Amino acid sequence: MDETPDDAIIQRQLQTNAEEPAVEVAKIVAELEGTAADQLGPTYVQIDHMLDHLFSNPPAPEAQVEVTFTYEGYRITVSQSGRAQFVKV
């Protein structure tokens, strides 16, 4: 089983009150790749409105819900608290 070194995991905090959290994810990936966000593919293909729903009507904190998906070569995990992890795949 492959293990990811801790330094390969990039941590970011998303704004849970942002209108379009998926756009924020795209901007972070663009920053990590050194490119403009508009040069990346649309996030809705991978996650549609999952992050919008995760933040707009969040489950109880005890649920500890996370959404994990792959986008532009990164495995991304976002928790209902807005904590996001990006791992290059």
N, C-alpha and C. Protein backbone atom coordinates (compact mmCIF):
# COMPACT_ATOMS: atom_id res chain seq x y z
N MET A 1 0.85 -1.18 0.00
CA MET A 1 0.00 0.00 0.00
C MET A 1 0.89 1.24 0.00
N ASP A 2 0.62 2.16 -0.88
CA ASP A 2 1.40 3.39 -0.96
C ASP A 2 1.04 4.32 0.18
N GLU A 3 2.05 4.93 0.75
CA GLU A 3 1.82 5.92 1.80
C GLU A 3 2.27 7.27 1.28
N THR A 4 1.54 8.30 1.63
CA THR A 4 1.88 9.66 1.21
C THR A 4 2.67 10.33 2.32
N PRO A 5 3.88 10.83 2.00
CA PRO A 5 4.63 11.56 3.03
C PRO A 5 3.87 12.80 3.47
N ASP A 6 4.02 13.14 4.75
CA ASP A 6 3.29 14.30 5.29
C ASP A 6 3.57 15.58 4.52
N ASP A 7 4.79 15.74 3.99
CA ASP A 7 5.10 16.98 3.28
C ASP A 7 4.42 17.03 1.91
N ALA A 8 3.84 15.91 1.46
CA ALA A 8 3.13 15.90 0.19
C ALA A 8 1.65 16.25 0.37
N ILE A 9 1.22 16.40 1.61
CA ILE A 9 -0.17 16.76 1.89
C ILE A 9 -0.23 18.26 2.13
N ILE A 10 -0.95 18.95 1.27
CA ILE A 10 -1.09 20.40 1.39
C ILE A 10 -2.41 20.69 2.08
N GLN A 11 -2.36 21.47 3.14
CA GLN A 11 -3.54 21.81 3.93
C GLN A 11 -3.98 23.24 3.61
N ARG A 12 -5.27 23.43 3.45
CA ARG A 12 -5.83 24.77 3.27
C ARG A 12 -7.16 24.83 4.03
N GLN A 13 -7.59 26.04 4.34
CA GLN A 13 -8.88 26.25 4.98
C GLN A 13 -9.79 26.97 3.99
N LEU A 14 -10.89 26.35 3.61
CA LEU A 14 -11.85 26.98 2.71
C LEU A 14 -12.80 27.85 3.52
N GLN A 15 -13.30 28.89 2.89
CA GLN A 15 -14.30 29.75 3.51
C GLN A 15 -15.65 29.05 3.38
N THR A 16 -16.22 28.60 4.48
CA THR A 16 -17.47 27.85 4.42
C THR A 16 -18.66 28.73 4.07
N ASN A 17 -18.48 30.04 4.11
CA ASN A 17 -19.58 30.94 3.75
C ASN A 17 -19.39 31.51 2.34
N ALA A 18 -18.41 31.01 1.60
CA ALA A 18 -18.19 31.48 0.23
C ALA A 18 -19.34 31.02 -0.66
N GLU A 19 -19.66 31.84 -1.66
CA GLU A 19 -20.77 31.49 -2.56
C GLU A 19 -20.46 30.28 -3.41
N GLU A 20 -19.21 30.14 -3.85
CA GLU A 20 -18.84 29.03 -4.72
C GLU A 20 -17.56 28.36 -4.22
N PRO A 21 -17.69 27.46 -3.24
CA PRO A 21 -16.49 26.82 -2.69
C PRO A 21 -15.71 26.01 -3.73
N ALA A 22 -16.37 25.48 -4.74
CA ALA A 22 -15.67 24.72 -5.78
C ALA A 22 -14.72 25.62 -6.57
N VAL A 23 -15.09 26.88 -6.74
CA VAL A 23 -14.20 27.84 -7.41
C VAL A 23 -12.97 28.08 -6.54
N GLU A 24 -13.17 28.14 -5.23
CA GLU A 24 -12.04 28.32 -4.31
C GLU A 24 -11.08 27.13 -4.43
N VAL A 25 -11.63 25.92 -4.57
CA VAL A 25 -10.79 24.73 -4.76
C VAL A 25 -9.98 24.87 -6.05
N ALA A 26 -10.62 25.30 -7.13
CA ALA A 26 -9.93 25.48 -8.41
C ALA A 26 -8.80 26.50 -8.28
N LYS A 27 -9.05 27.57 -7.55
CA LYS A 27 -8.01 28.60 -7.36
C LYS A 27 -6.82 28.05 -6.59
N ILE A 28 -7.07 27.21 -5.61
CA ILE A 28 -5.98 26.62 -4.84
C ILE A 28 -5.16 25.69 -5.73
N VAL A 29 -5.83 24.85 -6.51
CA VAL A 29 -5.11 23.95 -7.42
C VAL A 29 -4.31 24.76 -8.43
N ALA A 30 -4.89 25.83 -8.95
CA ALA A 30 -4.17 26.68 -9.90
C ALA A 30 -2.92 27.26 -9.24
N GLU A 31 -3.05 27.72 -8.01
CA GLU A 31 -1.89 28.25 -7.27
C GLU A 31 -0.81 27.18 -7.12
N LEU A 32 -1.22 25.97 -6.75
CA LEU A 32 -0.27 24.88 -6.56
C LEU A 32 0.44 24.51 -7.86
N GLU A 33 -0.27 24.65 -8.97
CA GLU A 33 0.29 24.31 -10.28
C GLU A 33 0.96 25.49 -10.98
N GLY A 34 0.84 26.68 -10.39
CA GLY A 34 1.45 27.85 -11.00
C GLY A 34 0.79 28.28 -12.29
N THR A 35 -0.52 28.18 -12.34
CA THR A 35 -1.28 28.55 -13.53
C THR A 35 -2.51 29.35 -13.12
N ALA A 36 -3.25 29.82 -14.10
CA ALA A 36 -4.49 30.56 -13.83
C ALA A 36 -5.64 29.57 -13.68
N ALA A 37 -6.57 29.88 -12.80
CA ALA A 37 -7.72 28.99 -12.56
C ALA A 37 -8.53 28.77 -13.83
N ASP A 38 -8.60 29.77 -14.70
CA ASP A 38 -9.40 29.60 -15.92
C ASP A 38 -8.72 28.68 -16.94
N GLN A 39 -7.50 28.24 -16.65
CA GLN A 39 -6.81 27.27 -17.50
C GLN A 39 -7.12 25.83 -17.09
N LEU A 40 -7.81 25.67 -15.98
CA LEU A 40 -8.17 24.34 -15.47
C LEU A 40 -9.57 23.95 -15.94
N GLY A 41 -9.86 22.67 -15.87
CA GLY A 41 -11.19 22.19 -16.22
C GLY A 41 -12.21 22.61 -15.17
N PRO A 42 -13.49 22.53 -15.51
CA PRO A 42 -14.53 22.91 -14.55
C PRO A 42 -14.62 21.90 -13.41
N THR A 43 -14.84 22.40 -12.22
CA THR A 43 -14.94 21.52 -11.05
C THR A 43 -16.26 20.76 -11.02
N TYR A 44 -17.30 21.30 -11.65
CA TYR A 44 -18.61 20.66 -11.56
C TYR A 44 -18.62 19.26 -12.18
N VAL A 45 -17.69 18.98 -13.08
CA VAL A 45 -17.62 17.65 -13.68
C VAL A 45 -17.30 16.61 -12.61
N GLN A 46 -16.45 16.97 -11.65
CA GLN A 46 -16.07 16.05 -10.59
C GLN A 46 -17.02 16.08 -9.39
N ILE A 47 -17.47 17.27 -9.00
CA ILE A 47 -18.19 17.36 -7.73
C ILE A 47 -19.53 18.07 -7.80
N ASP A 48 -19.90 18.57 -8.97
CA ASP A 48 -21.17 19.27 -9.14
C ASP A 48 -21.34 20.27 -8.00
N HIS A 49 -22.39 20.17 -7.21
CA HIS A 49 -22.65 21.14 -6.14
C HIS A 49 -22.45 20.53 -4.75
N MET A 50 -21.66 19.47 -4.67
CA MET A 50 -21.46 18.78 -3.39
C MET A 50 -20.92 19.71 -2.30
N LEU A 51 -19.93 20.53 -2.63
CA LEU A 51 -19.36 21.42 -1.61
C LEU A 51 -20.35 22.50 -1.21
N ASP A 52 -21.12 23.00 -2.18
CA ASP A 52 -22.15 23.99 -1.85
C ASP A 52 -23.09 23.42 -0.78
N HIS A 53 -23.54 22.19 -0.99
CA HIS A 53 -24.47 21.56 -0.06
C HIS A 53 -23.80 21.23 1.28
N LEU A 54 -22.55 20.86 1.22
CA LEU A 54 -21.82 20.52 2.45
C LEU A 54 -21.73 21.72 3.38
N PHE A 55 -21.56 22.92 2.80
CA PHE A 55 -21.41 24.12 3.61
C PHE A 55 -22.72 24.87 3.85
N SER A 56 -23.67 24.81 2.91
CA SER A 56 -24.89 25.60 3.06
C SER A 56 -25.89 24.96 4.01
N ASN A 57 -25.89 23.65 4.07
CA ASN A 57 -26.80 22.94 4.96
C ASN A 57 -26.01 21.81 5.62
N PRO A 58 -25.02 22.18 6.44
CA PRO A 58 -24.11 21.16 6.95
C PRO A 58 -24.78 20.20 7.92
N PRO A 59 -24.30 18.97 7.91
CA PRO A 59 -24.78 18.01 8.90
C PRO A 59 -24.28 18.39 10.29
N ALA A 60 -24.78 17.69 11.28
CA ALA A 60 -24.34 17.94 12.65
C ALA A 60 -22.83 17.73 12.74
N PRO A 61 -22.14 18.54 13.55
CA PRO A 61 -20.69 18.41 13.67
C PRO A 61 -20.23 16.99 14.02
N GLU A 62 -21.04 16.27 14.77
CA GLU A 62 -20.68 14.91 15.15
C GLU A 62 -20.59 13.98 13.95
N ALA A 63 -21.23 14.34 12.86
CA ALA A 63 -21.22 13.49 11.66
C ALA A 63 -19.83 13.43 11.03
N GLN A 64 -19.05 14.49 11.17
CA GLN A 64 -17.69 14.55 10.63
C GLN A 64 -17.66 14.17 9.14
N VAL A 65 -18.54 14.79 8.36
CA VAL A 65 -18.66 14.49 6.93
C VAL A 65 -17.46 15.04 6.17
N GLU A 66 -16.96 14.23 5.23
CA GLU A 66 -15.90 14.64 4.32
C GLU A 66 -16.29 14.25 2.91
N VAL A 67 -15.87 15.06 1.95
CA VAL A 67 -16.05 14.77 0.54
C VAL A 67 -14.66 14.61 -0.06
N THR A 68 -14.42 13.50 -0.74
CA THR A 68 -13.13 13.25 -1.37
C THR A 68 -13.35 13.05 -2.86
N PHE A 69 -12.52 13.70 -3.66
CA PHE A 69 -12.64 13.61 -5.12
C PHE A 69 -11.29 13.91 -5.74
N THR A 70 -11.15 13.60 -7.02
CA THR A 70 -9.93 13.89 -7.76
C THR A 70 -10.23 15.00 -8.75
N TYR A 71 -9.32 15.97 -8.81
CA TYR A 71 -9.47 17.11 -9.72
C TYR A 71 -8.10 17.57 -10.17
N GLU A 72 -7.90 17.60 -11.47
CA GLU A 72 -6.67 18.13 -12.08
C GLU A 72 -5.40 17.54 -11.46
N GLY A 73 -5.44 16.22 -11.22
CA GLY A 73 -4.24 15.55 -10.71
C GLY A 73 -4.04 15.63 -9.21
N TYR A 74 -5.05 16.08 -8.47
CA TYR A 74 -4.98 16.14 -7.01
C TYR A 74 -6.12 15.33 -6.42
N ARG A 75 -5.83 14.60 -5.36
CA ARG A 75 -6.85 13.94 -4.56
C ARG A 75 -7.17 14.94 -3.46
N ILE A 76 -8.42 15.39 -3.42
CA ILE A 76 -8.82 16.48 -2.53
C ILE A 76 -9.86 15.97 -1.55
N THR A 77 -9.64 16.25 -0.29
CA THR A 77 -10.61 15.90 0.75
C THR A 77 -11.01 17.18 1.46
N VAL A 78 -12.32 17.43 1.52
CA VAL A 78 -12.85 18.63 2.16
C VAL A 78 -13.80 18.19 3.27
N SER A 79 -13.57 18.71 4.47
CA SER A 79 -14.46 18.39 5.60
C SER A 79 -15.53 19.46 5.73
N GLN A 80 -16.56 19.15 6.48
CA GLN A 80 -17.65 20.11 6.65
C GLN A 80 -17.20 21.36 7.39
N SER A 81 -16.04 21.32 8.04
CA SER A 81 -15.51 22.51 8.73
C SER A 81 -14.75 23.42 7.77
N GLY A 82 -14.54 22.96 6.52
CA GLY A 82 -13.81 23.74 5.54
C GLY A 82 -12.35 23.35 5.41
N ARG A 83 -11.89 22.45 6.25
CA ARG A 83 -10.50 21.97 6.15
C ARG A 83 -10.36 21.17 4.86
N ALA A 84 -9.34 21.49 4.09
CA ALA A 84 -9.12 20.82 2.81
C ALA A 84 -7.70 20.30 2.72
N GLN A 85 -7.56 19.10 2.19
CA GLN A 85 -6.26 18.50 1.96
C GLN A 85 -6.11 18.24 0.47
N PHE A 86 -4.94 18.56 -0.06
CA PHE A 86 -4.64 18.36 -1.47
C PHE A 86 -3.41 17.46 -1.56
N VAL A 87 -3.53 16.36 -2.29
CA VAL A 87 -2.42 15.43 -2.47
C VAL A 87 -2.26 15.19 -3.97
N LYS A 88 -1.08 15.45 -4.49
CA LYS A 88 -0.79 15.22 -5.90
C LYS A 88 -0.82 13.72 -6.15
N VAL A 89 -1.56 13.31 -7.20
CA VAL A 89 -1.63 11.87 -7.52
C VAL A 89 -0.88 11.56 -8.79
